[in-house]
């Protein structure tokens, strides 16, 4: 929650690439430190700062939108969620290889080190952000590298350079003489942007509280933890693969609405499945899993869509504000589950809580 708006602001002020590198580097250092924690207090403190640092990875979606053409954003935006699901399955494999949590944490951190190196050598700064900062030479270097990588040309020709300067002059002319330091509050000042921010925050919050709440409420499918994690990752591949076909064809909004409706309807329908027989429990669990898979499909749609709704000068802050709402939902989900369990009986708790998540979606 804390890191989301913080890194969003930093990415708009200092650039996307540097924030991602700092975030991943800090995550590697803190992850290695966590694996050698000798006390519970040290473990909790390191995990807190590790979670804080990892929020900087949200800037990847900003960089994805600003580098890719419009017709490719849907495809690669959904692929990013597919990689998330595949990573969950890979985590289960590491759990088999390293049953001790210290070794598992160290292995994850060392793998993240390879990611830092890949980002450092292969990922360049956003051209849009460089132009807004009037760093035309750096923008030209990034474009030249793209041209060489795709075997188009060794460098920009005169026409491309002239067009780049013209675009930079136009974009600079749209900004005030003294560039303000935009903050997350600027996401709520213009009326249109305020409406957009509130709507997207609610979407992120409802998906967060629904997804994580269902994750905590769902009983393990098998007794083995690693296999259970693998199955969960495998199930999340299904909506990702469907979105891989649907989102590039129909856009972001319509598939997200359908996924959210399906998730909410499945949660509400599970309340109507009554009885304690094994068949009823299996049916209830199946409906809850379908709801969670549908919410995973919503994630595939609104991540890139949200980044596209904000202007370049506020894109990092906009993603940070929405990610804050998502994390708030994730924090409240288990607390809400515990609160309702205290107030009501176990059976009624599960039904009412699932219905609430369905209404939210």
Protein backbone atom coordinates (compact mmCIF):
# COMPACT_ATOMS: atom_id res chain seq x y z
CA UNK A 1 0.00 0.00 0.00
CA UNK A 2 2.76 2.43 0.91
CA UNK A 3 5.05 1.56 -1.97
CA UNK A 4 2.41 1.81 -4.71
CA UNK A 5 1.83 5.60 -4.65
CA UNK A 6 5.47 6.23 -3.68
CA UNK A 7 6.99 4.47 -6.68
CA UNK A 8 4.26 5.84 -8.92
CA UNK A 9 5.32 9.37 -8.03
CA UNK A 10 9.02 8.56 -8.39
CA UNK A 11 8.50 7.05 -11.84
CA UNK A 12 6.84 10.25 -13.09
CA UNK A 13 9.61 12.40 -11.61
CA UNK A 14 12.80 10.38 -12.13
CA UNK A 15 11.82 8.07 -14.99
CA UNK A 16 10.46 4.57 -15.43
CA UNK A 17 13.67 2.61 -15.97
CA UNK A 18 15.60 3.88 -12.96
CA UNK A 19 12.67 3.19 -10.61
CA UNK A 20 12.31 -0.38 -11.88
CA UNK A 21 16.05 -1.02 -11.48
CA UNK A 22 16.10 0.42 -7.95
CA UNK A 23 13.02 -1.58 -7.01
CA UNK A 24 14.37 -4.89 -8.32
CA UNK A 25 17.85 -4.29 -6.88
CA UNK A 26 16.40 -3.52 -3.46
CA UNK A 27 14.18 -6.61 -3.71
CA UNK A 28 17.21 -8.81 -4.42
CA UNK A 29 19.19 -7.40 -1.48
CA UNK A 30 16.26 -7.60 0.93
CA UNK A 31 15.33 -11.08 -0.30
CA UNK A 32 18.83 -12.40 0.33
CA UNK A 33 18.79 -10.74 3.74
CA UNK A 34 15.44 -12.34 4.56
CA UNK A 35 16.79 -15.80 3.80
CA UNK A 36 19.44 -15.28 6.52
CA UNK A 37 17.09 -13.72 9.11
CA UNK A 38 17.85 -15.15 12.55
CA UNK A 39 14.80 -13.87 14.42
CA UNK A 40 11.11 -13.37 13.76
CA UNK A 41 11.43 -9.59 14.25
CA UNK A 42 14.17 -9.37 11.64
CA UNK A 43 12.14 -11.56 9.28
CA UNK A 44 9.04 -9.35 9.61
CA UNK A 45 11.03 -6.12 9.15
CA UNK A 46 12.83 -7.42 6.06
CA UNK A 47 9.61 -8.76 4.56
CA UNK A 48 7.95 -5.39 5.10
CA UNK A 49 10.65 -3.54 3.18
CA UNK A 50 10.76 -6.32 0.58
CA UNK A 51 7.05 -5.84 -0.07
CA UNK A 52 7.62 -2.08 -0.23
CA UNK A 53 10.39 -2.46 -2.80
CA UNK A 54 8.45 -4.88 -4.99
CA UNK A 55 5.71 -2.31 -5.54
CA UNK A 56 8.10 -0.54 -7.89
CA UNK A 57 7.57 -3.34 -10.40
CA UNK A 58 4.13 -1.82 -11.16
CA UNK A 59 6.02 0.70 -13.32
CA UNK A 60 6.56 -2.14 -15.81
CA UNK A 61 2.98 -1.65 -17.02
CA UNK A 62 3.68 2.05 -17.58
CA UNK A 63 6.80 1.22 -19.56
CA UNK A 64 4.88 -1.41 -21.52
CA UNK A 65 2.22 1.08 -22.61
CA UNK A 66 4.74 3.78 -23.53
CA UNK A 67 6.96 1.53 -25.60
CA UNK A 68 4.43 -0.55 -27.51
CA UNK A 69 2.14 0.60 -30.34
CA UNK A 70 -1.57 0.60 -29.62
CA UNK A 71 -2.28 -2.57 -31.62
CA UNK A 72 0.28 -4.57 -29.58
CA UNK A 73 -0.59 -3.41 -26.06
CA UNK A 74 -3.46 -5.83 -25.52
CA UNK A 75 -1.43 -8.84 -26.56
CA UNK A 76 1.61 -8.11 -24.42
CA UNK A 77 -0.49 -6.80 -21.53
CA UNK A 78 -2.28 -10.14 -21.32
CA UNK A 79 1.01 -11.99 -21.77
CA UNK A 80 2.35 -10.22 -18.68
CA UNK A 81 -0.44 -11.84 -16.66
CA UNK A 82 0.26 -15.18 -18.33
CA UNK A 83 3.85 -14.87 -17.13
CA UNK A 84 2.51 -14.17 -13.63
CA UNK A 85 0.52 -17.42 -13.67
CA UNK A 86 3.50 -19.33 -15.08
CA UNK A 87 5.69 -17.84 -12.33
CA UNK A 88 3.30 -19.18 -9.69
CA UNK A 89 3.69 -22.65 -11.21
CA UNK A 90 7.47 -22.20 -11.31
CA UNK A 91 7.38 -21.19 -7.63
CA UNK A 92 5.70 -24.52 -6.86
CA UNK A 93 8.52 -26.30 -8.68
CA UNK A 94 11.08 -24.42 -6.60
CA UNK A 95 9.10 -25.44 -3.52
CA UNK A 96 9.68 -29.08 -4.46
CA UNK A 97 13.40 -28.52 -4.98
CA UNK A 98 13.92 -26.34 -1.89
CA UNK A 99 11.58 -27.50 0.89
CA UNK A 100 13.31 -25.23 3.43
CA UNK A 101 11.95 -21.67 3.31
CA UNK A 102 15.41 -20.10 3.71
CA UNK A 103 16.73 -21.90 0.65
CA UNK A 104 13.56 -21.09 -1.29
CA UNK A 105 13.81 -17.38 -0.49
CA UNK A 106 17.48 -17.33 -1.48
CA UNK A 107 16.74 -19.10 -4.78
CA UNK A 108 13.96 -16.63 -5.62
CA UNK A 109 16.27 -13.68 -4.87
CA UNK A 110 19.09 -15.02 -7.05
CA UNK A 111 16.67 -15.57 -9.92
CA UNK A 112 15.52 -11.96 -9.49
CA UNK A 113 19.17 -10.91 -9.82
CA UNK A 114 19.15 -12.26 -13.38
CA UNK A 115 16.07 -10.14 -14.03
CA UNK A 116 17.90 -7.03 -12.80
CA UNK A 117 20.75 -7.73 -15.18
CA UNK A 118 18.33 -8.26 -18.08
CA UNK A 119 16.58 -4.96 -17.36
CA UNK A 120 19.87 -3.12 -17.08
CA UNK A 121 21.20 -4.29 -20.46
CA UNK A 122 18.05 -4.63 -22.57
CA UNK A 123 15.38 -2.20 -21.31
CA UNK A 124 15.66 1.47 -22.23
CA UNK A 125 13.91 4.49 -20.80
CA UNK A 126 10.47 5.48 -22.08
CA UNK A 127 10.75 7.69 -25.17
CA UNK A 128 7.56 9.53 -24.22
CA UNK A 129 8.97 10.42 -20.82
CA UNK A 130 12.34 11.46 -22.32
CA UNK A 131 10.60 13.79 -24.77
CA UNK A 132 8.56 15.41 -21.99
CA UNK A 133 11.80 15.93 -20.07
CA UNK A 134 13.29 17.52 -23.23
CA UNK A 135 16.03 14.87 -23.37
CA UNK A 136 16.00 14.62 -27.15
CA UNK A 137 19.48 13.07 -27.45
CA UNK A 138 18.58 10.22 -25.10
CA UNK A 139 15.33 9.66 -26.98
CA UNK A 140 17.27 9.54 -30.27
CA UNK A 141 19.69 6.98 -28.81
CA UNK A 142 16.77 4.76 -27.73
CA UNK A 143 15.14 4.98 -31.17
CA UNK A 144 18.45 4.22 -32.90
CA UNK A 145 18.87 1.12 -30.75
CA UNK A 146 15.38 -0.06 -31.70
CA UNK A 147 16.19 0.49 -35.38
CA UNK A 148 19.41 -1.49 -35.13
CA UNK A 149 17.78 -4.30 -33.15
CA UNK A 150 15.04 -4.70 -35.76
CA UNK A 151 17.54 -4.37 -38.63
CA UNK A 152 15.72 -1.35 -40.04
CA UNK A 153 18.61 1.10 -40.14
CA UNK A 154 21.76 1.99 -38.25
CA UNK A 155 20.34 5.31 -37.08
CA UNK A 156 17.53 7.80 -37.65
CA UNK A 157 17.44 9.58 -40.98
CA UNK A 158 16.89 13.31 -41.36
CA UNK A 159 13.11 13.03 -41.69
CA UNK A 160 12.78 10.97 -38.51
CA UNK A 161 15.00 13.37 -36.57
CA UNK A 162 12.98 16.33 -37.79
CA UNK A 163 9.73 14.59 -36.81
CA UNK A 164 11.11 13.79 -33.35
CA UNK A 165 12.11 17.41 -32.78
CA UNK A 166 8.70 18.59 -34.00
CA UNK A 167 6.88 16.22 -31.64
CA UNK A 168 9.10 17.29 -28.75
CA UNK A 169 8.47 20.98 -29.50
CA UNK A 170 4.71 20.40 -29.65
CA UNK A 171 4.65 18.41 -26.39
CA UNK A 172 6.83 20.98 -24.64
CA UNK A 173 4.46 23.69 -25.82
CA UNK A 174 1.57 21.95 -24.09
CA UNK A 175 3.33 22.11 -20.73
CA UNK A 176 3.59 25.17 -18.46
CA UNK A 177 6.82 27.17 -18.52
CA UNK A 178 7.80 25.83 -15.12
CA UNK A 179 7.16 22.12 -15.00
CA UNK A 180 5.22 21.26 -11.82
CA UNK A 181 6.01 18.23 -9.70
CA UNK A 182 2.90 16.16 -10.31
CA UNK A 183 1.64 14.10 -7.37
CA UNK A 184 -1.14 11.59 -6.87
CA UNK A 185 -3.44 14.47 -5.87
CA UNK A 186 -3.29 15.68 -9.48
CA UNK A 187 -5.13 12.49 -10.47
CA UNK A 188 -8.23 13.96 -8.75
CA UNK A 189 -8.06 17.66 -9.69
CA UNK A 190 -9.48 17.75 -13.26
CA UNK A 191 -13.10 16.63 -13.30
CA UNK A 192 -12.69 14.04 -16.04
CA UNK A 193 -9.54 12.60 -14.53
CA UNK A 194 -11.11 12.55 -11.07
CA UNK A 195 -14.05 10.52 -12.39
CA UNK A 196 -11.66 8.15 -14.12
CA UNK A 197 -9.49 7.73 -11.03
CA UNK A 198 -12.43 7.01 -8.73
CA UNK A 199 -13.94 4.48 -11.13
CA UNK A 200 -10.66 2.67 -11.73
CA UNK A 201 -9.79 2.66 -8.02
CA UNK A 202 -13.13 1.01 -7.28
CA UNK A 203 -12.53 -1.59 -10.00
CA UNK A 204 -9.06 -2.38 -8.66
CA UNK A 205 -10.31 -2.42 -5.06
CA UNK A 206 -13.26 -4.73 -5.79
CA UNK A 207 -11.06 -7.15 -7.74
CA UNK A 208 -8.46 -7.07 -4.98
CA UNK A 209 -10.86 -7.77 -2.12
CA UNK A 210 -12.69 -10.37 -4.20
CA UNK A 211 -9.62 -12.21 -5.51
CA UNK A 212 -7.60 -12.29 -2.31
CA UNK A 213 -10.70 -12.95 -0.20
CA UNK A 214 -11.60 -15.95 -2.33
CA UNK A 215 -7.98 -17.07 -2.26
CA UNK A 216 -7.96 -17.13 1.54
CA UNK A 217 -11.47 -18.60 1.83
CA UNK A 218 -10.98 -21.45 -0.65
CA UNK A 219 -10.04 -24.73 0.96
CA UNK A 220 -6.83 -26.40 -0.34
CA UNK A 221 -7.54 -28.64 -3.30
CA UNK A 222 -4.87 -31.15 -2.21
CA UNK A 223 -2.89 -31.66 0.96
CA UNK A 224 0.53 -30.96 -0.54
CA UNK A 225 1.26 -27.21 -0.46
CA UNK A 226 3.52 -27.14 -3.53
CA UNK A 227 1.02 -29.10 -5.64
CA UNK A 228 -1.79 -26.84 -4.43
CA UNK A 229 0.18 -23.75 -5.51
CA UNK A 230 0.90 -25.35 -8.88
CA UNK A 231 -2.80 -26.12 -9.47
CA UNK A 232 -3.73 -22.54 -8.56
CA UNK A 233 -1.24 -21.21 -11.07
CA UNK A 234 -2.50 -23.64 -13.69
CA UNK A 235 -6.08 -22.50 -13.14
CA UNK A 236 -5.07 -18.87 -13.63
CA UNK A 237 -3.64 -19.74 -17.03
CA UNK A 238 -7.17 -20.45 -18.31
CA UNK A 239 -8.53 -16.85 -18.12
CA UNK A 240 -5.17 -15.57 -19.36
CA UNK A 241 -5.36 -17.74 -22.46
CA UNK A 242 -8.98 -16.71 -23.07
CA UNK A 243 -8.08 -13.03 -22.64
CA UNK A 244 -5.18 -13.54 -25.02
CA UNK A 245 -7.76 -14.16 -27.75
CA UNK A 246 -10.58 -11.89 -26.60
CA UNK A 247 -8.85 -8.67 -25.49
CA UNK A 248 -6.98 -7.91 -28.75
CA UNK A 249 -10.24 -8.56 -30.61
CA UNK A 250 -12.76 -6.66 -28.46
CA UNK A 251 -10.66 -4.18 -26.49
CA UNK A 252 -10.27 -3.75 -22.75
CA UNK A 253 -13.60 -2.56 -21.39
CA UNK A 254 -16.09 -5.12 -22.67
CA UNK A 255 -14.07 -8.23 -21.67
CA UNK A 256 -13.39 -6.70 -18.24
CA UNK A 257 -17.10 -6.08 -17.66
CA UNK A 258 -17.93 -9.66 -18.68
CA UNK A 259 -15.16 -11.13 -16.48
CA UNK A 260 -16.28 -9.04 -13.49
CA UNK A 261 -19.94 -9.97 -13.99
CA UNK A 262 -19.02 -13.65 -14.26
CA UNK A 263 -16.89 -13.43 -11.12
CA UNK A 264 -19.58 -11.67 -9.12
CA UNK A 265 -22.36 -13.92 -10.41
CA UNK A 266 -20.36 -17.06 -9.52
CA UNK A 267 -19.76 -15.80 -6.00
CA UNK A 268 -23.45 -14.96 -5.46
CA UNK A 269 -24.55 -18.26 -7.02
CA UNK A 270 -22.30 -20.16 -4.62
CA UNK A 271 -24.39 -18.74 -1.75
CA UNK A 272 -27.42 -20.58 -3.10
CA UNK A 273 -25.67 -23.94 -2.95
CA UNK A 274 -26.75 -25.14 0.48
CA UNK A 275 -26.05 -28.29 2.41
CA UNK A 276 -23.05 -29.95 3.98
CA UNK A 277 -22.90 -32.99 1.72
CA UNK A 278 -19.61 -33.57 -0.14
CA UNK A 279 -21.31 -32.89 -3.47
CA UNK A 280 -22.59 -29.52 -2.21
CA UNK A 281 -19.16 -28.60 -0.85
CA UNK A 282 -17.58 -29.54 -4.18
CA UNK A 283 -20.13 -27.45 -6.09
CA UNK A 284 -19.58 -24.47 -3.81
CA UNK A 285 -15.80 -24.76 -4.17
CA UNK A 286 -16.09 -25.04 -7.96
CA UNK A 287 -18.18 -21.86 -8.16
CA UNK A 288 -15.73 -19.97 -5.94
CA UNK A 289 -12.81 -21.12 -8.11
CA UNK A 290 -14.67 -19.98 -11.22
CA UNK A 291 -15.19 -16.60 -9.55
CA UNK A 292 -11.51 -16.31 -8.77
CA UNK A 293 -10.53 -17.29 -12.30
CA UNK A 294 -12.92 -14.65 -13.65
CA UNK A 295 -11.33 -11.99 -11.46
CA UNK A 296 -7.94 -13.06 -12.81
CA UNK A 297 -9.36 -12.40 -16.26
CA UNK A 298 -10.34 -8.91 -15.11
CA UNK A 299 -6.73 -8.27 -14.12
CA UNK A 300 -5.68 -9.09 -17.68
CA UNK A 301 -7.95 -6.33 -18.98
CA UNK A 302 -7.68 -3.37 -16.64
CA UNK A 303 -3.91 -3.30 -16.07
CA UNK A 304 -3.09 -1.94 -19.52
CA UNK A 305 -6.42 -0.12 -19.81
CA UNK A 306 -5.70 1.91 -16.68
CA UNK A 307 -2.26 2.95 -17.90
CA UNK A 308 -3.79 4.10 -21.20
CA UNK A 309 -6.35 6.33 -19.47
CA UNK A 310 -3.76 8.61 -17.86
CA UNK A 311 -1.54 11.17 -19.60
CA UNK A 312 2.20 10.56 -19.66
CA UNK A 313 2.96 13.10 -16.92
CA UNK A 314 0.56 11.32 -14.54
CA UNK A 315 0.70 7.73 -15.73
CA UNK A 316 2.95 6.52 -12.93
CA UNK A 317 0.88 8.30 -10.29
CA UNK A 318 -2.33 6.92 -11.79
CA UNK A 319 -1.09 3.33 -11.69
CA UNK A 320 0.20 3.95 -8.16
CA UNK A 321 -3.19 5.21 -6.93
CA UNK A 322 -5.02 2.23 -8.44
CA UNK A 323 -2.43 -0.21 -7.10
CA UNK A 324 -2.96 1.33 -3.66
CA UNK A 325 -6.67 0.51 -3.97
CA UNK A 326 -5.82 -3.05 -5.03
CA UNK A 327 -3.51 -3.57 -2.05
CA UNK A 328 -6.09 -2.04 0.27
CA UNK A 329 -8.57 -4.66 -0.92
CA UNK A 330 -5.96 -7.36 -0.38
CA UNK A 331 -5.31 -6.15 3.16
CA UNK A 332 -8.99 -5.91 4.05
CA UNK A 333 -9.97 -9.29 2.58
CA UNK A 334 -8.57 -11.56 5.35
CA UNK A 335 -9.58 -9.06 8.04
CA UNK A 336 -13.14 -9.04 6.73
CA UNK A 337 -13.13 -12.82 6.66
CA UNK A 338 -11.98 -12.98 10.30
CA UNK A 339 -14.46 -10.31 11.39
CA UNK A 340 -17.47 -12.04 9.88
CA UNK A 341 -16.40 -15.39 11.28
CA UNK A 342 -16.43 -13.91 14.75
CA UNK A 343 -19.90 -12.42 14.30
CA UNK A 344 -21.66 -15.30 12.53
CA UNK A 345 -21.53 -19.05 12.32
CA UNK A 346 -19.04 -20.66 9.97
CA UNK A 347 -21.54 -21.69 7.30
CA UNK A 348 -23.39 -18.39 7.25
CA UNK A 349 -20.08 -16.53 7.25
CA UNK A 350 -18.84 -18.15 4.08
CA UNK A 351 -22.11 -17.46 2.28
CA UNK A 352 -22.48 -13.84 3.35
CA UNK A 353 -18.85 -13.02 2.68
CA UNK A 354 -18.93 -14.63 -0.75
CA UNK A 355 -22.14 -12.75 -1.58
CA UNK A 356 -20.51 -9.49 -0.51
CA UNK A 357 -17.58 -10.09 -2.85
CA UNK A 358 -19.99 -10.88 -5.65
CA UNK A 359 -21.89 -7.63 -5.10
CA UNK A 360 -18.58 -5.72 -5.07
CA UNK A 361 -17.60 -7.19 -8.45
